[in-house]
Amino acid sequence: MQMNLASFGSDLADLSRVLQYSATHRPVNLAGLARSIFSELRRERPGLAIAIEVPARLVVEGDAPQLRALLEALLVPAWHELAHRRRGRIEIGVATSDAGRVFFVHDDPGNMATLSPACEDDDPTRATELQRAADIVGQLGGRLCTVGVPGHGVTVLFTLPDAEEPIELACAA
């Protein structure tokens, strides 16, 4: 019984640390995070012909662990889906206009059947990770939606708050 109490006390202390975590907002290079994630994925599955397109810099203000979790939720399922075909392309970038910045992750055609993180998907892991990404973006004060055309791939669009005026992302229901 004492071991269980000791374990319980340790678990409670861990929970306390998690609940006290406060996000640290600072400049974060999303491109560097993406390259790190892709490097880890390539070590897991060497020899795949998956092309990666990542700009040199893609700096945002935010919490690095949250932003890494966001990118993992978007990039890892796309990578694993393309790995079944042993080839493909994943691109991450940003479109800038007078209204603000919209970030995107685009992957090769045919790897996802549904276009909304709230919808059920042939790949429940992919749908779950899209929902997780939408939740993270929402926590950060942004918006996420997916756009796709059968045979032409899927693009996940998301906004993150900037020092500039936030852009409104209009997503079809």
N, C-alpha and C. Protein backbone atom coordinates (compact mmCIF):
# COMPACT_ATOMS: atom_id res chain seq x y z
N MET A 1 0.82 -1.20 0.00
CA MET A 1 0.00 0.00 0.00
C MET A 1 0.86 1.25 0.00
N GLN A 2 1.99 1.23 0.69
CA GLN A 2 2.86 2.41 0.72
C GLN A 2 3.43 2.71 -0.66
N MET A 3 3.77 1.65 -1.44
CA MET A 3 4.29 1.88 -2.79
C MET A 3 3.25 2.57 -3.65
N ASN A 4 2.01 2.16 -3.53
CA ASN A 4 0.96 2.79 -4.32
C ASN A 4 0.80 4.25 -3.93
N LEU A 5 0.89 4.56 -2.63
CA LEU A 5 0.80 5.95 -2.20
C LEU A 5 1.98 6.76 -2.71
N ALA A 6 3.17 6.16 -2.71
CA ALA A 6 4.35 6.86 -3.22
C ALA A 6 4.19 7.14 -4.71
N SER A 7 3.70 6.15 -5.44
CA SER A 7 3.47 6.31 -6.88
C SER A 7 2.40 7.37 -7.12
N PHE A 8 1.34 7.32 -6.32
CA PHE A 8 0.27 8.30 -6.44
C PHE A 8 0.81 9.72 -6.19
N GLY A 9 1.64 9.85 -5.16
CA GLY A 9 2.23 11.15 -4.84
C GLY A 9 3.10 11.66 -5.98
N SER A 10 3.87 10.78 -6.58
CA SER A 10 4.72 11.15 -7.71
C SER A 10 3.87 11.57 -8.91
N ASP A 11 2.81 10.79 -9.18
CA ASP A 11 1.90 11.12 -10.28
C ASP A 11 1.22 12.46 -10.05
N LEU A 12 0.84 12.72 -8.82
CA LEU A 12 0.20 13.98 -8.47
C LEU A 12 1.16 15.16 -8.67
N ALA A 13 2.42 14.97 -8.30
CA ALA A 13 3.43 16.01 -8.51
C ALA A 13 3.64 16.28 -9.99
N ASP A 14 3.66 15.20 -10.81
CA ASP A 14 3.79 15.36 -12.26
C ASP A 14 2.60 16.14 -12.82
N LEU A 15 1.40 15.79 -12.37
CA LEU A 15 0.20 16.49 -12.83
C LEU A 15 0.26 17.96 -12.45
N SER A 16 0.72 18.25 -11.27
CA SER A 16 0.84 19.64 -10.82
C SER A 16 1.77 20.43 -11.73
N ARG A 17 2.89 19.81 -12.13
CA ARG A 17 3.83 20.50 -13.03
C ARG A 17 3.18 20.77 -14.39
N VAL A 18 2.42 19.79 -14.88
CA VAL A 18 1.74 19.98 -16.17
C VAL A 18 0.73 21.11 -16.08
N LEU A 19 -0.06 21.12 -15.01
CA LEU A 19 -1.09 22.15 -14.85
C LEU A 19 -0.49 23.54 -14.66
N GLN A 20 0.73 23.62 -14.12
CA GLN A 20 1.37 24.91 -13.90
C GLN A 20 2.15 25.39 -15.11
N TYR A 21 2.23 24.56 -16.16
CA TYR A 21 2.96 24.94 -17.36
C TYR A 21 2.35 26.20 -17.95
N SER A 22 3.17 27.15 -18.24
CA SER A 22 2.67 28.34 -18.92
C SER A 22 3.44 28.50 -20.21
N ALA A 23 2.71 28.74 -21.25
CA ALA A 23 3.32 28.86 -22.57
C ALA A 23 4.28 30.05 -22.60
N THR A 24 5.40 29.84 -23.25
CA THR A 24 6.39 30.90 -23.42
C THR A 24 6.34 31.34 -24.88
N HIS A 25 5.87 32.53 -25.11
CA HIS A 25 5.77 33.04 -26.47
C HIS A 25 7.05 33.75 -26.85
N ARG A 26 7.63 33.27 -27.93
CA ARG A 26 8.87 33.83 -28.45
C ARG A 26 8.92 33.52 -29.93
N PRO A 27 9.84 34.12 -30.68
CA PRO A 27 9.96 33.77 -32.10
C PRO A 27 10.35 32.29 -32.26
N VAL A 28 9.61 31.60 -33.12
CA VAL A 28 9.86 30.18 -33.39
C VAL A 28 9.90 30.00 -34.91
N ASN A 29 10.92 29.30 -35.39
CA ASN A 29 11.05 29.03 -36.82
C ASN A 29 10.32 27.72 -37.14
N LEU A 30 9.11 27.83 -37.71
CA LEU A 30 8.35 26.64 -38.08
C LEU A 30 9.11 25.79 -39.09
N ALA A 31 9.87 26.42 -39.97
CA ALA A 31 10.63 25.67 -40.97
C ALA A 31 11.66 24.77 -40.29
N GLY A 32 12.33 25.29 -39.29
CA GLY A 32 13.30 24.48 -38.55
C GLY A 32 12.64 23.33 -37.82
N LEU A 33 11.48 23.58 -37.22
CA LEU A 33 10.74 22.50 -36.56
C LEU A 33 10.33 21.44 -37.58
N ALA A 34 9.85 21.87 -38.74
CA ALA A 34 9.42 20.92 -39.78
C ALA A 34 10.60 20.08 -40.25
N ARG A 35 11.75 20.71 -40.49
CA ARG A 35 12.92 19.95 -40.93
C ARG A 35 13.34 18.93 -39.87
N SER A 36 13.25 19.29 -38.61
CA SER A 36 13.59 18.37 -37.52
C SER A 36 12.64 17.17 -37.51
N ILE A 37 11.36 17.42 -37.68
CA ILE A 37 10.37 16.33 -37.72
C ILE A 37 10.63 15.43 -38.92
N PHE A 38 10.88 16.03 -40.09
CA PHE A 38 11.15 15.23 -41.28
C PHE A 38 12.43 14.41 -41.13
N SER A 39 13.42 14.97 -40.49
CA SER A 39 14.67 14.25 -40.24
C SER A 39 14.42 13.00 -39.39
N GLU A 40 13.61 13.15 -38.35
CA GLU A 40 13.27 12.01 -37.50
C GLU A 40 12.49 10.96 -38.30
N LEU A 41 11.57 11.41 -39.15
CA LEU A 41 10.78 10.47 -39.95
C LEU A 41 11.66 9.73 -40.96
N ARG A 42 12.62 10.42 -41.55
CA ARG A 42 13.53 9.77 -42.51
C ARG A 42 14.40 8.72 -41.83
N ARG A 43 14.80 8.98 -40.58
CA ARG A 43 15.57 7.98 -39.84
C ARG A 43 14.74 6.72 -39.58
N GLU A 44 13.44 6.91 -39.31
CA GLU A 44 12.54 5.77 -39.09
C GLU A 44 12.36 4.93 -40.34
N ARG A 45 12.23 5.60 -41.48
CA ARG A 45 11.94 4.91 -42.75
C ARG A 45 12.86 5.42 -43.85
N PRO A 46 14.15 5.05 -43.83
CA PRO A 46 15.06 5.50 -44.88
C PRO A 46 14.67 4.87 -46.22
N GLY A 47 15.04 5.53 -47.28
CA GLY A 47 14.80 4.98 -48.60
C GLY A 47 13.48 5.37 -49.25
N LEU A 48 12.63 6.09 -48.55
CA LEU A 48 11.38 6.54 -49.15
C LEU A 48 11.66 7.73 -50.06
N ALA A 49 10.99 7.78 -51.18
CA ALA A 49 11.16 8.89 -52.12
C ALA A 49 10.10 9.95 -51.88
N ILE A 50 10.08 10.49 -50.67
CA ILE A 50 9.12 11.55 -50.35
C ILE A 50 9.88 12.88 -50.39
N ALA A 51 9.49 13.72 -51.33
CA ALA A 51 10.11 15.04 -51.47
C ALA A 51 9.54 15.98 -50.42
N ILE A 52 10.40 16.78 -49.85
CA ILE A 52 10.01 17.73 -48.82
C ILE A 52 10.32 19.13 -49.31
N GLU A 53 9.36 20.03 -49.23
CA GLU A 53 9.57 21.42 -49.59
C GLU A 53 9.29 22.28 -48.36
N VAL A 54 10.35 22.88 -47.84
CA VAL A 54 10.26 23.70 -46.64
C VAL A 54 11.07 24.98 -46.89
N PRO A 55 10.48 26.16 -46.65
CA PRO A 55 11.26 27.38 -46.84
C PRO A 55 12.41 27.47 -45.83
N ALA A 56 13.36 28.34 -46.12
CA ALA A 56 14.51 28.50 -45.21
C ALA A 56 14.07 28.97 -43.83
N ARG A 57 13.16 29.93 -43.80
CA ARG A 57 12.67 30.46 -42.52
C ARG A 57 11.17 30.68 -42.62
N LEU A 58 10.53 30.41 -41.51
CA LEU A 58 9.09 30.62 -41.41
C LEU A 58 8.82 30.95 -39.94
N VAL A 59 9.11 32.18 -39.57
CA VAL A 59 9.12 32.58 -38.15
C VAL A 59 7.76 33.10 -37.72
N VAL A 60 7.31 32.60 -36.57
CA VAL A 60 6.06 33.03 -35.94
C VAL A 60 6.34 33.29 -34.46
N GLU A 61 5.46 34.01 -33.81
CA GLU A 61 5.51 34.18 -32.35
C GLU A 61 4.67 33.07 -31.76
N GLY A 62 5.21 32.35 -30.80
CA GLY A 62 4.40 31.32 -30.18
C GLY A 62 5.20 30.48 -29.22
N ASP A 63 4.55 29.44 -28.75
CA ASP A 63 5.13 28.50 -27.81
C ASP A 63 5.70 27.32 -28.60
N ALA A 64 7.02 27.13 -28.55
CA ALA A 64 7.69 26.11 -29.36
C ALA A 64 7.11 24.71 -29.18
N PRO A 65 6.87 24.24 -27.92
CA PRO A 65 6.30 22.90 -27.79
C PRO A 65 4.90 22.76 -28.42
N GLN A 66 4.07 23.79 -28.29
CA GLN A 66 2.74 23.73 -28.92
C GLN A 66 2.86 23.74 -30.43
N LEU A 67 3.75 24.58 -30.96
CA LEU A 67 3.91 24.65 -32.41
C LEU A 67 4.50 23.36 -32.97
N ARG A 68 5.41 22.73 -32.23
CA ARG A 68 5.94 21.44 -32.67
C ARG A 68 4.83 20.39 -32.68
N ALA A 69 3.99 20.38 -31.63
CA ALA A 69 2.87 19.44 -31.58
C ALA A 69 1.93 19.65 -32.76
N LEU A 70 1.69 20.91 -33.12
CA LEU A 70 0.86 21.23 -34.27
C LEU A 70 1.45 20.64 -35.55
N LEU A 71 2.73 20.90 -35.78
CA LEU A 71 3.36 20.39 -37.00
C LEU A 71 3.41 18.87 -37.01
N GLU A 72 3.66 18.25 -35.87
CA GLU A 72 3.65 16.79 -35.81
C GLU A 72 2.27 16.25 -36.17
N ALA A 73 1.22 16.90 -35.68
CA ALA A 73 -0.14 16.46 -35.97
C ALA A 73 -0.47 16.57 -37.46
N LEU A 74 0.17 17.50 -38.16
CA LEU A 74 -0.07 17.66 -39.59
C LEU A 74 0.89 16.84 -40.45
N LEU A 75 2.15 16.80 -40.08
CA LEU A 75 3.18 16.20 -40.95
C LEU A 75 3.32 14.69 -40.79
N VAL A 76 3.25 14.19 -39.56
CA VAL A 76 3.49 12.76 -39.34
C VAL A 76 2.44 11.89 -40.03
N PRO A 77 1.13 12.16 -39.89
CA PRO A 77 0.16 11.32 -40.60
C PRO A 77 0.30 11.42 -42.12
N ALA A 78 0.61 12.60 -42.63
CA ALA A 78 0.81 12.74 -44.08
C ALA A 78 1.99 11.88 -44.53
N TRP A 79 3.08 11.93 -43.77
CA TRP A 79 4.27 11.13 -44.09
C TRP A 79 3.93 9.64 -44.09
N HIS A 80 3.25 9.18 -43.03
CA HIS A 80 2.94 7.76 -42.94
C HIS A 80 2.01 7.31 -44.05
N GLU A 81 1.08 8.16 -44.44
CA GLU A 81 0.19 7.80 -45.54
C GLU A 81 0.97 7.71 -46.86
N LEU A 82 1.85 8.68 -47.10
CA LEU A 82 2.65 8.64 -48.33
C LEU A 82 3.65 7.48 -48.29
N ALA A 83 4.08 7.09 -47.12
CA ALA A 83 5.03 5.97 -46.99
C ALA A 83 4.44 4.68 -47.52
N HIS A 84 3.11 4.52 -47.47
CA HIS A 84 2.47 3.32 -48.02
C HIS A 84 2.73 3.23 -49.53
N ARG A 85 2.84 4.39 -50.17
CA ARG A 85 3.11 4.41 -51.62
C ARG A 85 4.60 4.50 -51.91
N ARG A 86 5.40 4.73 -50.84
CA ARG A 86 6.86 4.82 -50.92
C ARG A 86 7.36 6.03 -51.71
N ARG A 87 6.45 6.95 -52.02
CA ARG A 87 6.84 8.18 -52.72
C ARG A 87 5.76 9.23 -52.53
N GLY A 88 6.10 10.47 -52.80
CA GLY A 88 5.14 11.55 -52.68
C GLY A 88 5.85 12.86 -52.39
N ARG A 89 5.07 13.87 -52.02
CA ARG A 89 5.61 15.20 -51.76
C ARG A 89 4.80 15.85 -50.66
N ILE A 90 5.51 16.51 -49.73
CA ILE A 90 4.87 17.29 -48.68
C ILE A 90 5.50 18.67 -48.70
N GLU A 91 4.67 19.69 -48.69
CA GLU A 91 5.16 21.08 -48.72
C GLU A 91 4.55 21.84 -47.56
N ILE A 92 5.36 22.66 -46.92
CA ILE A 92 4.89 23.57 -45.88
C ILE A 92 5.31 24.97 -46.30
N GLY A 93 4.43 25.94 -46.07
CA GLY A 93 4.76 27.30 -46.47
C GLY A 93 3.76 28.31 -45.93
N VAL A 94 3.81 29.49 -46.51
CA VAL A 94 2.94 30.58 -46.09
C VAL A 94 2.56 31.41 -47.31
N ALA A 95 1.32 31.86 -47.32
CA ALA A 95 0.85 32.81 -48.32
C ALA A 95 0.63 34.12 -47.58
N THR A 96 1.19 35.19 -48.09
CA THR A 96 1.09 36.48 -47.44
C THR A 96 0.31 37.44 -48.33
N SER A 97 -0.58 38.19 -47.70
CA SER A 97 -1.33 39.22 -48.42
C SER A 97 -1.45 40.43 -47.52
N ASP A 98 -2.12 41.45 -47.99
CA ASP A 98 -2.36 42.63 -47.16
C ASP A 98 -3.17 42.27 -45.91
N ALA A 99 -3.95 41.19 -45.99
CA ALA A 99 -4.79 40.78 -44.87
C ALA A 99 -4.03 40.02 -43.79
N GLY A 100 -2.87 39.46 -44.12
CA GLY A 100 -2.09 38.70 -43.14
C GLY A 100 -1.47 37.46 -43.74
N ARG A 101 -1.06 36.53 -42.87
CA ARG A 101 -0.40 35.30 -43.33
C ARG A 101 -1.29 34.09 -43.09
N VAL A 102 -1.35 33.24 -44.10
CA VAL A 102 -2.03 31.95 -44.00
C VAL A 102 -0.97 30.88 -44.26
N PHE A 103 -0.77 30.02 -43.28
CA PHE A 103 0.21 28.94 -43.38
C PHE A 103 -0.47 27.74 -44.02
N PHE A 104 0.32 26.89 -44.69
CA PHE A 104 -0.27 25.71 -45.30
C PHE A 104 0.68 24.52 -45.22
N VAL A 105 0.06 23.35 -45.21
CA VAL A 105 0.75 22.07 -45.38
C VAL A 105 0.00 21.37 -46.50
N HIS A 106 0.73 21.05 -47.57
CA HIS A 106 0.12 20.37 -48.72
C HIS A 106 0.82 19.04 -48.92
N ASP A 107 0.03 18.01 -49.19
CA ASP A 107 0.65 16.73 -49.53
C ASP A 107 0.05 16.17 -50.80
N ASP A 108 0.73 15.14 -51.31
CA ASP A 108 0.41 14.54 -52.59
C ASP A 108 -1.04 14.10 -52.70
N PRO A 109 -1.53 13.99 -53.94
CA PRO A 109 -2.91 13.57 -54.17
C PRO A 109 -3.23 12.20 -53.59
N GLY A 110 -4.50 12.07 -53.23
CA GLY A 110 -5.04 10.77 -52.92
C GLY A 110 -4.74 10.20 -51.55
N ASN A 111 -4.23 10.99 -50.63
CA ASN A 111 -3.89 10.37 -49.35
C ASN A 111 -4.92 10.62 -48.27
N MET A 112 -5.97 11.37 -48.55
CA MET A 112 -6.98 11.58 -47.52
C MET A 112 -8.34 11.75 -48.17
N ALA A 113 -9.32 11.05 -47.65
CA ALA A 113 -10.65 11.05 -48.26
C ALA A 113 -11.50 12.23 -47.82
N THR A 114 -11.38 12.68 -46.59
CA THR A 114 -12.27 13.72 -46.11
C THR A 114 -11.56 15.07 -46.07
N LEU A 115 -12.34 16.09 -46.04
CA LEU A 115 -11.80 17.44 -46.11
C LEU A 115 -12.00 18.24 -44.84
N SER A 116 -12.51 17.64 -43.80
CA SER A 116 -12.74 18.36 -42.56
C SER A 116 -12.25 17.55 -41.37
N PRO A 117 -11.53 18.19 -40.43
CA PRO A 117 -11.06 17.44 -39.27
C PRO A 117 -12.20 16.88 -38.43
N ALA A 118 -13.40 17.42 -38.57
CA ALA A 118 -14.52 16.93 -37.78
C ALA A 118 -15.17 15.70 -38.43
N CYS A 119 -14.87 15.44 -39.70
CA CYS A 119 -15.48 14.32 -40.40
C CYS A 119 -14.76 13.02 -40.10
N GLU A 120 -15.48 11.92 -40.27
CA GLU A 120 -14.83 10.63 -40.13
C GLU A 120 -14.07 10.36 -41.41
N ASP A 121 -13.02 9.59 -41.33
CA ASP A 121 -12.09 9.38 -42.41
C ASP A 121 -11.81 7.89 -42.55
N ASP A 122 -11.35 7.48 -43.72
CA ASP A 122 -10.92 6.10 -43.89
C ASP A 122 -9.76 5.80 -42.95
N ASP A 123 -8.98 6.79 -42.63
CA ASP A 123 -7.85 6.65 -41.72
C ASP A 123 -8.18 7.41 -40.44
N PRO A 124 -8.66 6.70 -39.41
CA PRO A 124 -9.06 7.40 -38.19
C PRO A 124 -7.91 8.12 -37.51
N THR A 125 -6.69 7.62 -37.66
CA THR A 125 -5.54 8.31 -37.07
C THR A 125 -5.36 9.67 -37.70
N ARG A 126 -5.49 9.75 -39.02
CA ARG A 126 -5.34 11.02 -39.73
C ARG A 126 -6.41 12.01 -39.28
N ALA A 127 -7.66 11.53 -39.18
CA ALA A 127 -8.76 12.40 -38.75
C ALA A 127 -8.53 12.89 -37.33
N THR A 128 -8.06 12.00 -36.46
CA THR A 128 -7.79 12.38 -35.06
C THR A 128 -6.69 13.42 -34.99
N GLU A 129 -5.64 13.24 -35.76
CA GLU A 129 -4.53 14.19 -35.75
C GLU A 129 -4.94 15.53 -36.34
N LEU A 130 -5.80 15.53 -37.36
CA LEU A 130 -6.31 16.80 -37.89
C LEU A 130 -7.13 17.53 -36.84
N GLN A 131 -7.91 16.78 -36.08
CA GLN A 131 -8.69 17.41 -35.02
C GLN A 131 -7.77 17.96 -33.94
N ARG A 132 -6.72 17.21 -33.61
CA ARG A 132 -5.74 17.68 -32.62
C ARG A 132 -5.08 18.97 -33.12
N ALA A 133 -4.72 19.01 -34.41
CA ALA A 133 -4.11 20.21 -34.99
C ALA A 133 -5.08 21.38 -34.90
N ALA A 134 -6.37 21.14 -35.22
CA ALA A 134 -7.37 22.21 -35.14
C ALA A 134 -7.51 22.71 -33.71
N ASP A 135 -7.45 21.80 -32.73
CA ASP A 135 -7.54 22.20 -31.33
C ASP A 135 -6.34 23.05 -30.93
N ILE A 136 -5.14 22.66 -31.35
CA ILE A 136 -3.93 23.43 -31.02
C ILE A 136 -4.00 24.81 -31.64
N VAL A 137 -4.37 24.88 -32.91
CA VAL A 137 -4.48 26.18 -33.59
C VAL A 137 -5.50 27.05 -32.86
N GLY A 138 -6.62 26.45 -32.45
CA GLY A 138 -7.63 27.20 -31.70
C GLY A 138 -7.10 27.72 -30.38
N GLN A 139 -6.33 26.90 -29.67
CA GLN A 139 -5.72 27.32 -28.40
C GLN A 139 -4.76 28.49 -28.62
N LEU A 140 -4.11 28.49 -29.78
CA LEU A 140 -3.17 29.56 -30.10
C LEU A 140 -3.86 30.83 -30.62
N GLY A 141 -5.18 30.74 -30.82
CA GLY A 141 -5.94 31.90 -31.29
C GLY A 141 -6.08 31.98 -32.79
N GLY A 142 -5.83 30.87 -33.49
CA GLY A 142 -5.94 30.85 -34.94
C GLY A 142 -7.10 30.01 -35.40
N ARG A 143 -7.09 29.69 -36.67
CA ARG A 143 -8.15 28.91 -37.29
C ARG A 143 -7.53 27.92 -38.25
N LEU A 144 -8.14 26.75 -38.45
CA LEU A 144 -7.62 25.72 -39.35
C LEU A 144 -8.76 25.18 -40.19
N CYS A 145 -8.48 24.94 -41.45
CA CYS A 145 -9.42 24.23 -42.31
C CYS A 145 -8.64 23.46 -43.37
N THR A 146 -9.31 22.50 -43.98
CA THR A 146 -8.68 21.72 -45.03
C THR A 146 -9.40 21.98 -46.34
N VAL A 147 -8.64 21.93 -47.42
CA VAL A 147 -9.16 22.14 -48.76
C VAL A 147 -8.61 21.02 -49.62
N GLY A 148 -9.46 20.37 -50.36
CA GLY A 148 -8.97 19.30 -51.21
C GLY A 148 -9.88 19.04 -52.38
N VAL A 149 -9.28 18.54 -53.43
CA VAL A 149 -10.01 18.13 -54.61
C VAL A 149 -9.52 16.72 -54.93
N PRO A 150 -10.43 15.75 -55.09
CA PRO A 150 -9.98 14.40 -55.39
C PRO A 150 -8.98 14.38 -56.55
N GLY A 151 -7.87 13.70 -56.34
CA GLY A 151 -6.84 13.60 -57.36
C GLY A 151 -5.86 14.76 -57.37
N HIS A 152 -6.10 15.78 -56.55
CA HIS A 152 -5.21 16.95 -56.54
C HIS A 152 -4.64 17.25 -55.16
N GLY A 153 -4.80 16.35 -54.23
CA GLY A 153 -4.19 16.51 -52.92
C GLY A 153 -5.02 17.29 -51.94
N VAL A 154 -4.47 17.38 -50.76
CA VAL A 154 -5.13 18.06 -49.66
C VAL A 154 -4.19 19.13 -49.14
N THR A 155 -4.75 20.30 -48.87
CA THR A 155 -3.99 21.38 -48.26
C THR A 155 -4.67 21.76 -46.96
N VAL A 156 -3.89 21.76 -45.89
CA VAL A 156 -4.38 22.22 -44.60
C VAL A 156 -3.94 23.67 -44.46
N LEU A 157 -4.89 24.56 -44.28
CA LEU A 157 -4.63 25.99 -44.11
C LEU A 157 -4.83 26.35 -42.66
N PHE A 158 -3.95 27.19 -42.13
CA PHE A 158 -4.16 27.64 -40.76
C PHE A 158 -3.58 29.02 -40.56
N THR A 159 -4.19 29.74 -39.64
CA THR A 159 -3.71 31.06 -39.26
C THR A 159 -3.19 30.99 -37.83
N LEU A 160 -2.27 31.85 -37.53
CA LEU A 160 -1.76 32.02 -36.17
C LEU A 160 -1.76 33.51 -35.89
N PRO A 161 -2.03 33.91 -34.66
CA PRO A 161 -2.05 35.35 -34.37
C PRO A 161 -0.66 35.94 -34.56
N ASP A 162 -0.64 37.12 -35.12
CA ASP A 162 0.59 37.88 -35.33
C ASP A 162 0.45 39.19 -34.58
N ALA A 163 1.51 39.93 -34.58
CA ALA A 163 1.44 41.28 -34.05
C ALA A 163 0.53 42.12 -34.95
N GLU A 164 0.39 41.66 -36.20
CA GLU A 164 -0.47 42.34 -37.15
C GLU A 164 -1.93 41.98 -36.87
N GLU A 165 -2.83 42.58 -37.60
CA GLU A 165 -4.25 42.28 -37.48
C GLU A 165 -4.49 40.83 -37.93
N PRO A 166 -5.24 40.02 -37.15
CA PRO A 166 -5.46 38.63 -37.56
C PRO A 166 -6.31 38.56 -38.81
N ILE A 167 -6.03 37.57 -39.64
CA ILE A 167 -6.78 37.36 -40.88
C ILE A 167 -7.92 36.39 -40.60
N GLU A 168 -9.05 36.61 -41.20
CA GLU A 168 -10.19 35.71 -41.03
C GLU A 168 -10.12 34.66 -42.14
N LEU A 169 -10.05 33.41 -41.73
CA LEU A 169 -9.98 32.29 -42.68
C LEU A 169 -11.37 31.76 -42.89
N ALA A 170 -11.88 31.87 -44.11
CA ALA A 170 -13.22 31.41 -44.43
C ALA A 170 -13.15 29.98 -44.92
N CYS A 171 -13.68 29.07 -44.14
CA CYS A 171 -13.67 27.65 -44.47
C CYS A 171 -15.08 27.21 -44.81
N ALA A 172 -15.22 26.41 -45.86
CA ALA A 172 -16.53 25.87 -46.21
C ALA A 172 -16.90 24.80 -45.20
N ALA A 173 -18.17 24.73 -44.87
CA ALA A 173 -18.63 23.74 -43.89
C ALA A 173 -18.78 22.38 -44.52
